[in-house]
């Protein structure tokens, strides 16, 4: 057993300061990491191509068109592909259903 003098209030406050400085340094690293991630997300969003104006959603086997959507429709499935205005009109004219949520038939002026 060593005979150390008891810790003073000043010793304890200095220890607390070191702990808080370490916590602050860690928090600053977290902030810098998050700022870097936000910058990368913003750069990725800016580089992303715009949504197409029209989408055609295919069935499970990809053979038949199931729906025509306005570009950016939240109901468009993963099997949707970009289409031109003329292609979208042709699909609607040939009997492909218009999405009931985004109503591309109204936007294209193709009403039954």
PDB file of N, CA and C in Angstrom:
ATOM      1  N   UNK A   1       0.830  -1.165   0.000  1.00  0.00           N
ATOM      2  CA  UNK A   1       0.000   0.000   0.000  1.00  0.00           C
ATOM      3  C   UNK A   1       0.884   1.242   0.000  1.00  0.00           C
ATOM      4  N   UNK A   2       0.583   2.135  -0.942  1.00  0.00           N
ATOM      5  CA  UNK A   2       1.380   3.353  -1.010  1.00  0.00           C
ATOM      6  C   UNK A   2       0.669   4.450  -0.257  1.00  0.00           C
ATOM      7  N   UNK A   3       1.482   5.301   0.242  1.00  0.00           N
ATOM      8  CA  UNK A   3       0.925   6.435   0.977  1.00  0.00           C
ATOM      9  C   UNK A   3       0.845   7.637   0.053  1.00  0.00           C
ATOM     10  N   UNK A   4      -0.301   7.758  -0.585  1.00  0.00           N
ATOM     11  CA  UNK A   4      -0.538   8.926  -1.431  1.00  0.00           C
ATOM     12  C   UNK A   4      -1.343   9.933  -0.644  1.00  0.00           C
ATOM     13  N   UNK A   5      -1.064  11.170  -0.953  1.00  0.00           N
ATOM     14  CA  UNK A   5      -1.910  12.167  -0.293  1.00  0.00           C
ATOM     15  C   UNK A   5      -3.329  12.079  -0.876  1.00  0.00           C
ATOM     16  N   UNK A   6      -4.335  12.358  -0.134  1.00  0.00           N
ATOM     17  CA  UNK A   6      -5.700  12.289  -0.658  1.00  0.00           C
ATOM     18  C   UNK A   6      -5.898  13.302  -1.786  1.00  0.00           C
ATOM     19  N   UNK A   7      -6.791  12.934  -2.696  1.00  0.00           N
ATOM     20  CA  UNK A   7      -7.076  13.831  -3.816  1.00  0.00           C
ATOM     21  C   UNK A   7      -7.798  15.071  -3.301  1.00  0.00           C
ATOM     22  N   UNK A   8      -7.374  16.172  -3.832  1.00  0.00           N
ATOM     23  CA  UNK A   8      -8.019  17.423  -3.444  1.00  0.00           C
ATOM     24  C   UNK A   8      -9.175  17.708  -4.383  1.00  0.00           C
ATOM     25  N   UNK A   9      -9.962  18.644  -4.017  1.00  0.00           N
ATOM     26  CA  UNK A   9     -11.066  19.065  -4.883  1.00  0.00           C
ATOM     27  C   UNK A   9     -10.517  19.546  -6.223  1.00  0.00           C
ATOM     28  N   UNK A  10      -9.383  20.254  -6.202  1.00  0.00           N
ATOM     29  CA  UNK A  10      -8.768  20.746  -7.431  1.00  0.00           C
ATOM     30  C   UNK A  10      -8.315  19.583  -8.312  1.00  0.00           C
ATOM     31  N   UNK A  11      -7.767  18.524  -7.726  1.00  0.00           N
ATOM     32  CA  UNK A  11      -7.373  17.337  -8.493  1.00  0.00           C
ATOM     33  C   UNK A  11      -8.592  16.717  -9.184  1.00  0.00           C
ATOM     34  N   UNK A  12      -9.679  16.603  -8.457  1.00  0.00           N
ATOM     35  CA  UNK A  12     -10.896  16.021  -9.017  1.00  0.00           C
ATOM     36  C   UNK A  12     -11.459  16.878 -10.143  1.00  0.00           C
ATOM     37  N   UNK A  13     -11.405  18.189  -9.994  1.00  0.00           N
ATOM     38  CA  UNK A  13     -11.902  19.086 -11.047  1.00  0.00           C
ATOM     39  C   UNK A  13     -11.038  18.990 -12.295  1.00  0.00           C
ATOM     40  N   UNK A  14      -9.740  18.856 -12.116  1.00  0.00           N
ATOM     41  CA  UNK A  14      -8.851  18.708 -13.276  1.00  0.00           C
ATOM     42  C   UNK A  14      -9.114  17.382 -13.995  1.00  0.00           C
ATOM     43  N   UNK A  15      -9.358  16.325 -13.217  1.00  0.00           N
ATOM     44  CA  UNK A  15      -9.708  15.037 -13.824  1.00  0.00           C
ATOM     45  C   UNK A  15     -11.012  15.170 -14.618  1.00  0.00           C
ATOM     46  N   UNK A  16     -12.011  15.799 -14.022  1.00  0.00           N
ATOM     47  CA  UNK A  16     -13.279  16.009 -14.703  1.00  0.00           C
ATOM     48  C   UNK A  16     -13.082  16.794 -15.997  1.00  0.00           C
ATOM     49  N   UNK A  17     -12.216  17.795 -15.970  1.00  0.00           N
ATOM     50  CA  UNK A  17     -11.944  18.597 -17.174  1.00  0.00           C
ATOM     51  C   UNK A  17     -11.360  17.724 -18.274  1.00  0.00           C
ATOM     52  N   UNK A  18     -10.417  16.823 -17.946  1.00  0.00           N
ATOM     53  CA  UNK A  18      -9.824  15.940 -18.949  1.00  0.00           C
ATOM     54  C   UNK A  18     -10.882  15.016 -19.560  1.00  0.00           C
ATOM     55  N   UNK A  19     -11.754  14.480 -18.713  1.00  0.00           N
ATOM     56  CA  UNK A  19     -12.817  13.608 -19.207  1.00  0.00           C
ATOM     57  C   UNK A  19     -13.741  14.379 -20.144  1.00  0.00           C
ATOM     58  N   UNK A  20     -14.116  15.575 -19.771  1.00  0.00           N
ATOM     59  CA  UNK A  20     -15.005  16.380 -20.597  1.00  0.00           C
ATOM     60  C   UNK A  20     -14.338  16.788 -21.905  1.00  0.00           C
ATOM     61  N   UNK A  21     -13.037  17.086 -21.866  1.00  0.00           N
ATOM     62  CA  UNK A  21     -12.327  17.417 -23.108  1.00  0.00           C
ATOM     63  C   UNK A  21     -12.308  16.221 -24.045  1.00  0.00           C
ATOM     64  N   UNK A  22     -12.143  15.012 -23.511  1.00  0.00           N
ATOM     65  CA  UNK A  22     -12.179  13.808 -24.338  1.00  0.00           C
ATOM     66  C   UNK A  22     -13.572  13.604 -24.932  1.00  0.00           C
ATOM     67  N   UNK A  23     -14.601  13.834 -24.116  1.00  0.00           N
ATOM     68  CA  UNK A  23     -15.978  13.724 -24.617  1.00  0.00           C
ATOM     69  C   UNK A  23     -16.231  14.750 -25.715  1.00  0.00           C
ATOM     70  N   UNK A  24     -15.756  15.966 -25.530  1.00  0.00           N
ATOM     71  CA  UNK A  24     -15.945  17.008 -26.525  1.00  0.00           C
ATOM     72  C   UNK A  24     -15.216  16.654 -27.824  1.00  0.00           C
ATOM     73  N   UNK A  25     -14.006  16.119 -27.713  1.00  0.00           N
ATOM     74  CA  UNK A  25     -13.255  15.726 -28.908  1.00  0.00           C
ATOM     75  C   UNK A  25     -14.004  14.621 -29.658  1.00  0.00           C
ATOM     76  N   UNK A  26     -14.556  13.664 -28.920  1.00  0.00           N
ATOM     77  CA  UNK A  26     -15.317  12.589 -29.564  1.00  0.00           C
ATOM     78  C   UNK A  26     -16.570  13.159 -30.241  1.00  0.00           C
ATOM     79  N   UNK A  27     -17.258  14.058 -29.578  1.00  0.00           N
ATOM     80  CA  UNK A  27     -18.451  14.677 -30.162  1.00  0.00           C
ATOM     81  C   UNK A  27     -18.084  15.465 -31.413  1.00  0.00           C
ATOM     82  N   UNK A  28     -16.982  16.167 -31.394  1.00  0.00           N
ATOM     83  CA  UNK A  28     -16.530  16.914 -32.582  1.00  0.00           C
ATOM     84  C   UNK A  28     -16.220  15.971 -33.739  1.00  0.00           C
ATOM     85  N   UNK A  29     -15.657  14.797 -33.456  1.00  0.00           N
ATOM     86  CA  UNK A  29     -15.412  13.806 -34.513  1.00  0.00           C
ATOM     87  C   UNK A  29     -16.735  13.314 -35.085  1.00  0.00           C
ATOM     88  N   UNK A  30     -17.708  13.074 -34.222  1.00  0.00           N
ATOM     89  CA  UNK A  30     -19.021  12.627 -34.699  1.00  0.00           C
ATOM     90  C   UNK A  30     -19.663  13.685 -35.590  1.00  0.00           C
ATOM     91  N   UNK A  31     -19.550  14.932 -35.188  1.00  0.00           N
ATOM     92  CA  UNK A  31     -20.108  16.029 -35.985  1.00  0.00           C
ATOM     93  C   UNK A  31     -19.418  16.095 -37.347  1.00  0.00           C
ATOM     94  N   UNK A  32     -18.091  16.005 -37.355  1.00  0.00           N
ATOM     95  CA  UNK A  32     -17.346  16.058 -38.620  1.00  0.00           C
ATOM     96  C   UNK A  32     -17.733  14.891 -39.526  1.00  0.00           C
ATOM     97  N   UNK A  33     -17.897  13.692 -38.946  1.00  0.00           N
ATOM     98  CA  UNK A  33     -18.307  12.524 -39.737  1.00  0.00           C
ATOM     99  C   UNK A  33     -19.690  12.743 -40.338  1.00  0.00           C
ATOM    100  N   UNK A  34     -20.615  13.264 -39.547  1.00  0.00           N
ATOM    101  CA  UNK A  34     -21.975  13.482 -40.044  1.00  0.00           C
ATOM    102  C   UNK A  34     -21.999  14.570 -41.111  1.00  0.00           C
ATOM    103  N   UNK A  35     -21.210  15.629 -40.936  1.00  0.00           N
ATOM    104  CA  UNK A  35     -21.126  16.676 -41.962  1.00  0.00           C
ATOM    105  C   UNK A  35     -20.585  16.111 -43.268  1.00  0.00           C
ATOM    106  N   UNK A  36     -19.606  15.220 -43.172  1.00  0.00           N
ATOM    107  CA  UNK A  36     -19.039  14.583 -44.361  1.00  0.00           C
ATOM    108  C   UNK A  36     -20.103  13.720 -45.058  1.00  0.00           C
ATOM    109  N   UNK A  37     -20.876  12.950 -44.266  1.00  0.00           N
ATOM    110  CA  UNK A  37     -21.934  12.124 -44.849  1.00  0.00           C
ATOM    111  C   UNK A  37     -23.008  12.985 -45.510  1.00  0.00           C
ATOM    112  N   UNK A  38     -23.394  14.090 -44.878  1.00  0.00           N
ATOM    113  CA  UNK A  38     -24.403  14.977 -45.470  1.00  0.00           C
ATOM    114  C   UNK A  38     -23.907  15.581 -46.782  1.00  0.00           C
ATOM    115  N   UNK A  39     -22.634  15.955 -46.821  1.00  0.00           N
ATOM    116  CA  UNK A  39     -22.055  16.494 -48.051  1.00  0.00           C
ATOM    117  C   UNK A  39     -22.085  15.445 -49.158  1.00  0.00           C
ATOM    118  N   UNK A  40     -21.737  14.206 -48.814  1.00  0.00           N
ATOM    119  CA  UNK A  40     -21.760  13.125 -49.805  1.00  0.00           C
ATOM    120  C   UNK A  40     -23.181  12.859 -50.292  1.00  0.00           C
ATOM    121  N   UNK A  41     -24.170  12.872 -49.376  1.00  0.00           N
ATOM    122  CA  UNK A  41     -25.567  12.665 -49.786  1.00  0.00           C
ATOM    123  C   UNK A  41     -26.022  13.773 -50.720  1.00  0.00           C
ATOM    124  N   UNK A  42     -25.675  15.026 -50.388  1.00  0.00           N
ATOM    125  CA  UNK A  42     -26.082  16.150 -51.237  1.00  0.00           C
ATOM    126  C   UNK A  42     -25.422  16.053 -52.606  1.00  0.00           C
ATOM    127  N   UNK A  43     -24.152  15.662 -52.642  1.00  0.00           N
ATOM    128  CA  UNK A  43     -23.453  15.510 -53.914  1.00  0.00           C
ATOM    129  C   UNK A  43     -24.100  14.403 -54.748  1.00  0.00           C
ATOM    130  N   UNK A  44     -24.462  13.299 -54.097  1.00  0.00           N
ATOM    131  CA  UNK A  44     -25.117  12.196 -54.795  1.00  0.00           C
ATOM    132  C   UNK A  44     -26.481  12.606 -55.331  1.00  0.00           C
ATOM    133  N   UNK A  45     -27.242  13.361 -54.539  1.00  0.00           N
ATOM    134  CA  UNK A  45     -28.558  13.809 -54.995  1.00  0.00           C
ATOM    135  C   UNK A  45     -28.436  14.769 -56.169  1.00  0.00           C
ATOM    136  N   UNK A  46     -27.427  15.617 -56.143  1.00  0.00           N
ATOM    137  CA  UNK A  46     -27.236  16.573 -57.241  1.00  0.00           C
ATOM    138  C   UNK A  46     -26.799  15.862 -58.528  1.00  0.00           C
ATOM    139  N   UNK A  47     -26.070  14.757 -58.384  1.00  0.00           N
ATOM    140  CA  UNK A  47     -25.578  14.033 -59.560  1.00  0.00           C
ATOM    141  C   UNK A  47     -26.608  13.050 -60.112  1.00  0.00           C
ATOM    142  N   UNK A  48     -27.665  12.779 -59.336  1.00  0.00           N
ATOM    143  CA  UNK A  48     -28.677  11.821 -59.773  1.00  0.00           C
ATOM    144  C   UNK A  48     -29.454  12.392 -60.958  1.00  0.00           C
ATOM    145  N   UNK A  49     -29.678  11.587 -61.975  1.00  0.00           N
ATOM    146  CA  UNK A  49     -30.452  12.088 -63.118  1.00  0.00           C
ATOM    147  C   UNK A  49     -31.893  12.349 -62.696  1.00  0.00           C
ATOM    148  N   UNK A  50     -32.569  13.258 -63.377  1.00  0.00           N
ATOM    149  CA  UNK A  50     -33.956  13.551 -63.011  1.00  0.00           C
ATOM    150  C   UNK A  50     -34.868  12.363 -63.326  1.00  0.00           C
ATOM    151  N   UNK A  51     -36.005  12.326 -62.642  1.00  0.00           N
ATOM    152  CA  UNK A  51     -36.991  11.286 -62.923  1.00  0.00           C
ATOM    153  C   UNK A  51     -37.470  11.423 -64.361  1.00  0.00           C
ATOM    154  N   UNK A  52     -37.737  10.303 -65.028  1.00  0.00           N
ATOM    155  CA  UNK A  52     -38.307  10.397 -66.377  1.00  0.00           C
ATOM    156  C   UNK A  52     -39.728  10.953 -66.283  1.00  0.00           C
ATOM    157  N   UNK A  53     -40.223  11.477 -67.392  1.00  0.00           N
ATOM    158  CA  UNK A  53     -41.572  12.034 -67.393  1.00  0.00           C
ATOM    159  C   UNK A  53     -42.638  10.954 -67.307  1.00  0.00           C
ATOM    160  N   UNK A  54     -42.357   9.775 -67.866  1.00  0.00           N
ATOM    161  CA  UNK A  54     -43.346   8.699 -67.923  1.00  0.00           C
ATOM    162  C   UNK A  54     -42.674   7.377 -67.620  1.00  0.00           C
ATOM    163  N   UNK A  55     -43.412   6.463 -67.006  1.00  0.00           N
ATOM    164  CA  UNK A  55     -42.906   5.133 -66.691  1.00  0.00           C
ATOM    165  C   UNK A  55     -43.905   4.089 -67.180  1.00  0.00           C
ATOM    166  N   UNK A  56     -43.373   2.948 -67.610  1.00  0.00           N
ATOM    167  CA  UNK A  56     -44.213   1.805 -67.956  1.00  0.00           C
ATOM    168  C   UNK A  56     -43.779   0.666 -67.038  1.00  0.00           C
ATOM    169  N   UNK A  57     -44.742   0.160 -66.288  1.00  0.00           N
ATOM    170  CA  UNK A  57     -44.467  -0.929 -65.353  1.00  0.00           C
ATOM    171  C   UNK A  57     -44.838  -2.251 -66.000  1.00  0.00           C
ATOM    172  N   UNK A  58     -43.894  -3.183 -65.979  1.00  0.00           N
ATOM    173  CA  UNK A  58     -44.088  -4.503 -66.583  1.00  0.00           C
ATOM    174  C   UNK A  58     -44.578  -5.491 -65.531  1.00  0.00           C
ATOM    175  N   UNK A  59     -45.176  -6.591 -66.010  1.00  0.00           N
ATOM    176  CA  UNK A  59     -45.635  -7.661 -65.127  1.00  0.00           C
ATOM    177  C   UNK A  59     -44.474  -8.493 -64.615  1.00  0.00           C
ATOM    178  N   UNK A  60     -44.796  -9.560 -63.891  1.00  0.00           N
ATOM    179  CA  UNK A  60     -43.770 -10.397 -63.265  1.00  0.00           C
ATOM    180  C   UNK A  60     -42.787 -10.988 -64.254  1.00  0.00           C
ATOM    181  N   UNK A  61     -43.250 -11.439 -65.387  1.00  0.00           N
ATOM    182  CA  UNK A  61     -42.358 -12.034 -66.382  1.00  0.00           C
ATOM    183  C   UNK A  61     -41.761 -10.976 -67.299  1.00  0.00           C
ATOM    184  N   UNK A  62     -42.196  -9.741 -67.185  1.00  0.00           N
ATOM    185  CA  UNK A  62     -41.655  -8.665 -68.008  1.00  0.00           C
ATOM    186  C   UNK A  62     -42.166  -8.639 -69.421  1.00  0.00           C
ATOM    187  N   UNK A  63     -43.161  -9.442 -69.726  1.00  0.00           N
ATOM    188  CA  UNK A  63     -43.649  -9.532 -71.105  1.00  0.00           C
ATOM    189  C   UNK A  63     -44.688  -8.466 -71.420  1.00  0.00           C
ATOM    190  N   UNK A  64     -45.572  -8.207 -70.488  1.00  0.00           N
ATOM    191  CA  UNK A  64     -46.689  -7.305 -70.752  1.00  0.00           C
ATOM    192  C   UNK A  64     -46.622  -6.081 -69.846  1.00  0.00           C
ATOM    193  N   UNK A  65     -47.020  -4.953 -70.391  1.00  0.00           N
ATOM    194  CA  UNK A  65     -47.107  -3.738 -69.591  1.00  0.00           C
ATOM    195  C   UNK A  65     -48.338  -3.845 -68.700  1.00  0.00           C
ATOM    196  N   UNK A  66     -48.191  -3.470 -67.445  1.00  0.00           N
ATOM    197  CA  UNK A  66     -49.283  -3.562 -66.488  1.00  0.00           C
ATOM    198  C   UNK A  66     -49.874  -2.181 -66.212  1.00  0.00           C
ATOM    199  N   UNK A  67     -49.007  -1.189 -66.005  1.00  0.00           N
ATOM    200  CA  UNK A  67     -49.450   0.174 -65.708  1.00  0.00           C
ATOM    201  C   UNK A  67     -48.568   1.178 -66.427  1.00  0.00           C
ATOM    202  N   UNK A  68     -49.161   2.325 -66.692  1.00  0.00           N
ATOM    203  CA  UNK A  68     -48.412   3.501 -67.130  1.00  0.00           C
ATOM    204  C   UNK A  68     -48.480   4.482 -65.964  1.00  0.00           C
ATOM    205  N   UNK A  69     -47.341   5.080 -65.622  1.00  0.00           N
ATOM    206  CA  UNK A  69     -47.248   6.019 -64.504  1.00  0.00           C
ATOM    207  C   UNK A  69     -46.669   7.348 -64.983  1.00  0.00           C
ATOM    208  N   UNK A  70     -46.995   8.399 -64.255  1.00  0.00           N
ATOM    209  CA  UNK A  70     -46.293   9.669 -64.409  1.00  0.00           C
ATOM    210  C   UNK A  70     -44.940   9.478 -63.730  1.00  0.00           C
ATOM    211  N   UNK A  71     -43.869  10.017 -64.286  1.00  0.00           N
ATOM    212  CA  UNK A  71     -42.542   9.869 -63.691  1.00  0.00           C
ATOM    213  C   UNK A  71     -42.533  10.321 -62.245  1.00  0.00           C
ATOM    214  N   UNK A  72     -41.865   9.554 -61.391  1.00  0.00           N
ATOM    215  CA  UNK A  72     -41.788   9.896 -59.982  1.00  0.00           C
ATOM    216  C   UNK A  72     -42.966   9.410 -59.163  1.00  0.00           C
ATOM    217  N   UNK A  73     -43.881   8.670 -59.761  1.00  0.00           N
ATOM    218  CA  UNK A  73     -45.042   8.147 -59.024  1.00  0.00           C
ATOM    219  C   UNK A  73     -44.559   7.201 -57.928  1.00  0.00           C
ATOM    220  N   UNK A  74     -45.049   7.403 -56.731  1.00  0.00           N
ATOM    221  CA  UNK A  74     -44.612   6.567 -55.609  1.00  0.00           C
ATOM    222  C   UNK A  74     -45.141   5.137 -55.693  1.00  0.00           C
ATOM    223  N   UNK A  75     -46.105   4.902 -56.561  1.00  0.00           N
ATOM    224  CA  UNK A  75     -46.672   3.561 -56.702  1.00  0.00           C
ATOM    225  C   UNK A  75     -45.978   2.745 -57.799  1.00  0.00           C
ATOM    226  N   UNK A  76     -45.093   3.354 -58.553  1.00  0.00           N
ATOM    227  CA  UNK A  76     -44.395   2.636 -59.623  1.00  0.00           C
ATOM    228  C   UNK A  76     -43.498   1.565 -58.994  1.00  0.00           C
ATOM    229  N   UNK A  77     -43.584   0.355 -59.519  1.00  0.00           N
ATOM    230  CA  UNK A  77     -42.803  -0.754 -58.977  1.00  0.00           C
ATOM    231  C   UNK A  77     -41.387  -0.793 -59.522  1.00  0.00           C
ATOM    232  N   UNK A  78     -40.650  -1.772 -59.054  1.00  0.00           N
ATOM    233  CA  UNK A  78     -39.249  -1.925 -59.466  1.00  0.00           C
ATOM    234  C   UNK A  78     -39.110  -2.344 -60.921  1.00  0.00           C
ATOM    235  N   UNK A  79     -40.167  -2.857 -61.491  1.00  0.00           N
ATOM    236  CA  UNK A  79     -40.111  -3.301 -62.893  1.00  0.00           C
ATOM    237  C   UNK A  79     -40.519  -2.180 -63.845  1.00  0.00           C
ATOM    238  N   UNK A  80     -40.490  -0.945 -63.382  1.00  0.00           N
ATOM    239  CA  UNK A  80     -40.867   0.199 -64.222  1.00  0.00           C
ATOM    240  C   UNK A  80     -39.665   0.700 -65.002  1.00  0.00           C
ATOM    241  N   UNK A  81     -39.923   1.114 -66.222  1.00  0.00           N
ATOM    242  CA  UNK A  81     -38.876   1.647 -67.100  1.00  0.00           C
ATOM    243  C   UNK A  81     -39.343   2.975 -67.676  1.00  0.00           C
ATOM    244  N   UNK A  82     -38.392   3.818 -68.006  1.00  0.00           N
ATOM    245  CA  UNK A  82     -38.704   5.121 -68.580  1.00  0.00           C
ATOM    246  C   UNK A  82     -39.354   4.954 -69.950  1.00  0.00           C
ATOM    247  N   UNK A  83     -40.239   5.887 -70.270  1.00  0.00           N
ATOM    248  CA  UNK A  83     -40.901   5.884 -71.575  1.00  0.00           C
ATOM    249  C   UNK A  83     -41.057   7.320 -72.042  1.00  0.00           C
ATOM    250  N   UNK A  84     -41.112   7.484 -73.346  1.00  0.00           N
ATOM    251  CA  UNK A  84     -41.375   8.812 -73.897  1.00  0.00           C
ATOM    252  C   UNK A  84     -42.867   9.090 -73.798  1.00  0.00           C
ATOM    253  N   UNK A  85     -43.243  10.315 -74.054  1.00  0.00           N
ATOM    254  CA  UNK A  85     -44.656  10.693 -74.041  1.00  0.00           C
ATOM    255  C   UNK A  85     -45.436   9.863 -75.063  1.00  0.00           C
ATOM    256  N   UNK A  86     -44.877   9.723 -76.266  1.00  0.00           N
ATOM    257  CA  UNK A  86     -45.551   8.951 -77.308  1.00  0.00           C
ATOM    258  C   UNK A  86     -45.702   7.483 -76.914  1.00  0.00           C
ATOM    259  N   UNK A  87     -44.668   6.915 -76.328  1.00  0.00           N
ATOM    260  CA  UNK A  87     -44.745   5.518 -75.903  1.00  0.00           C
ATOM    261  C   UNK A  87     -45.809   5.340 -74.822  1.00  0.00           C
ATOM    262  N   UNK A  88     -45.857   6.260 -73.882  1.00  0.00           N
ATOM    263  CA  UNK A  88     -46.860   6.178 -72.819  1.00  0.00           C
ATOM    264  C   UNK A  88     -48.267   6.245 -73.414  1.00  0.00           C
ATOM    265  N   UNK A  89     -48.479   7.151 -74.357  1.00  0.00           N
ATOM    266  CA  UNK A  89     -49.799   7.260 -75.018  1.00  0.00           C
ATOM    267  C   UNK A  89     -50.128   5.965 -75.765  1.00  0.00           C
ATOM    268  N   UNK A  90     -49.141   5.383 -76.449  1.00  0.00           N
ATOM    269  CA  UNK A  90     -49.385   4.140 -77.190  1.00  0.00           C
ATOM    270  C   UNK A  90     -49.788   3.014 -76.244  1.00  0.00           C
ATOM    271  N   UNK A  91     -49.114   2.904 -75.106  1.00  0.00           N
ATOM    272  CA  UNK A  91     -49.476   1.866 -74.145  1.00  0.00           C
ATOM    273  C   UNK A  91     -50.897   2.075 -73.639  1.00  0.00           C
ATOM    274  N   UNK A  92     -51.248   3.315 -73.320  1.00  0.00           N
ATOM    275  CA  UNK A  92     -52.610   3.593 -72.849  1.00  0.00           C
ATOM    276  C   UNK A  92     -53.633   3.303 -73.945  1.00  0.00           C
ATOM    277  N   UNK A  93     -53.317   3.694 -75.179  1.00  0.00           N
ATOM    278  CA  UNK A  93     -54.234   3.446 -76.307  1.00  0.00           C
ATOM    279  C   UNK A  93     -54.418   1.946 -76.569  1.00  0.00           C
ATOM    280  N   UNK A  94     -53.378   1.170 -76.263  1.00  0.00           N
ATOM    281  CA  UNK A  94     -53.463  -0.276 -76.529  1.00  0.00           C
ATOM    282  C   UNK A  94     -54.086  -1.045 -75.360  1.00  0.00           C
ATOM    283  N   UNK A  95     -54.564  -0.340 -74.336  1.00  0.00           N
ATOM    284  CA  UNK A  95     -55.286  -1.009 -73.256  1.00  0.00           C
ATOM    285  C   UNK A  95     -54.535  -1.189 -71.959  1.00  0.00           C
ATOM    286  N   UNK A  96     -53.298  -0.728 -71.873  1.00  0.00           N
ATOM    287  CA  UNK A  96     -52.575  -0.806 -70.611  1.00  0.00           C
ATOM    288  C   UNK A  96     -53.243   0.141 -69.621  1.00  0.00           C
ATOM    289  N   UNK A  97     -53.411  -0.320 -68.391  1.00  0.00           N
ATOM    290  CA  UNK A  97     -54.080   0.482 -67.370  1.00  0.00           C
ATOM    291  C   UNK A  97     -53.241   1.686 -66.967  1.00  0.00           C
ATOM    292  N   UNK A  98     -53.935   2.772 -66.691  1.00  0.00           N
ATOM    293  CA  UNK A  98     -53.288   3.960 -66.133  1.00  0.00           C
ATOM    294  C   UNK A  98     -53.238   3.793 -64.617  1.00  0.00           C
ATOM    295  N   UNK A  99     -52.166   4.196 -64.011  1.00  0.00           N
ATOM    296  CA  UNK A  99     -52.050   4.132 -62.556  1.00  0.00           C
ATOM    297  C   UNK A  99     -53.185   4.956 -61.937  1.00  0.00           C
ATOM    298  N   UNK A 100     -53.940   4.368 -61.006  1.00  0.00           N
ATOM    299  CA  UNK A 100     -55.041   5.110 -60.401  1.00  0.00           C
ATOM    300  C   UNK A 100     -54.582   6.192 -59.427  1.00  0.00           C
ATOM    301  N   UNK A 101     -53.307   6.216 -59.090  1.00  0.00           N
ATOM    302  CA  UNK A 101     -52.803   7.210 -58.143  1.00  0.00           C
ATOM    303  C   UNK A 101     -52.293   8.462 -58.838  1.00  0.00           C
ATOM    304  N   UNK A 102     -51.494   8.284 -59.877  1.00  0.00           N
ATOM    305  CA  UNK A 102     -50.883   9.453 -60.539  1.00  0.00           C
ATOM    306  C   UNK A 102     -51.643   9.884 -61.792  1.00  0.00           C
ATOM    307  N   UNK A 103     -52.552   9.063 -62.281  1.00  0.00           N
ATOM    308  CA  UNK A 103     -53.435   9.368 -63.412  1.00  0.00           C
ATOM    309  C   UNK A 103     -52.709   9.915 -64.646  1.00  0.00           C
ATOM    310  N   UNK A 104     -51.834   9.113 -65.265  1.00  0.00           N
ATOM    311  CA  UNK A 104     -51.140   9.584 -66.466  1.00  0.00           C
ATOM    312  C   UNK A 104     -52.080   9.792 -67.644  1.00  0.00           C
ATOM    313  N   UNK A 105     -53.222   9.100 -67.646  1.00  0.00           N
ATOM    314  CA  UNK A 105     -54.169   9.293 -68.743  1.00  0.00           C
ATOM    315  C   UNK A 105     -54.713  10.714 -68.747  1.00  0.00           C
ATOM    316  N   UNK A 106     -54.923  11.286 -67.574  1.00  0.00           N
ATOM    317  CA  UNK A 106     -55.383  12.675 -67.479  1.00  0.00           C
ATOM    318  C   UNK A 106     -54.286  13.631 -67.953  1.00  0.00           C
ATOM    319  N   UNK A 107     -53.054  13.379 -67.484  1.00  0.00           N
ATOM    320  CA  UNK A 107     -51.925  14.239 -67.866  1.00  0.00           C
ATOM    321  C   UNK A 107     -51.646  14.180 -69.360  1.00  0.00           C
ATOM    322  N   UNK A 108     -51.896  13.026 -69.982  1.00  0.00           N
ATOM    323  CA  UNK A 108     -51.647  12.860 -71.416  1.00  0.00           C
ATOM    324  C   UNK A 108     -52.872  13.206 -72.277  1.00  0.00           C
ATOM    325  N   UNK A 109     -53.982  13.449 -71.632  1.00  0.00           N
ATOM    326  CA  UNK A 109     -55.192  13.757 -72.392  1.00  0.00           C
ATOM    327  C   UNK A 109     -55.816  12.533 -73.044  1.00  0.00           C
ATOM    328  N   UNK A 110     -55.540  11.341 -72.515  1.00  0.00           N
ATOM    329  CA  UNK A 110     -56.089  10.099 -73.046  1.00  0.00           C
ATOM    330  C   UNK A 110     -57.128   9.615 -72.054  1.00  0.00           C
ATOM    331  N   UNK A 111     -58.361   9.969 -72.271  1.00  0.00           N
ATOM    332  CA  UNK A 111     -59.422   9.546 -71.357  1.00  0.00           C
ATOM    333  C   UNK A 111     -60.387   8.643 -72.089  1.00  0.00           C
ATOM    334  N   UNK A 112     -60.924   7.672 -71.348  1.00  0.00           N
ATOM    335  CA  UNK A 112     -61.853   6.717 -71.954  1.00  0.00           C
ATOM    336  C   UNK A 112     -63.218   7.317 -72.130  1.00  0.00           C
TER     337      UNK A 112
END
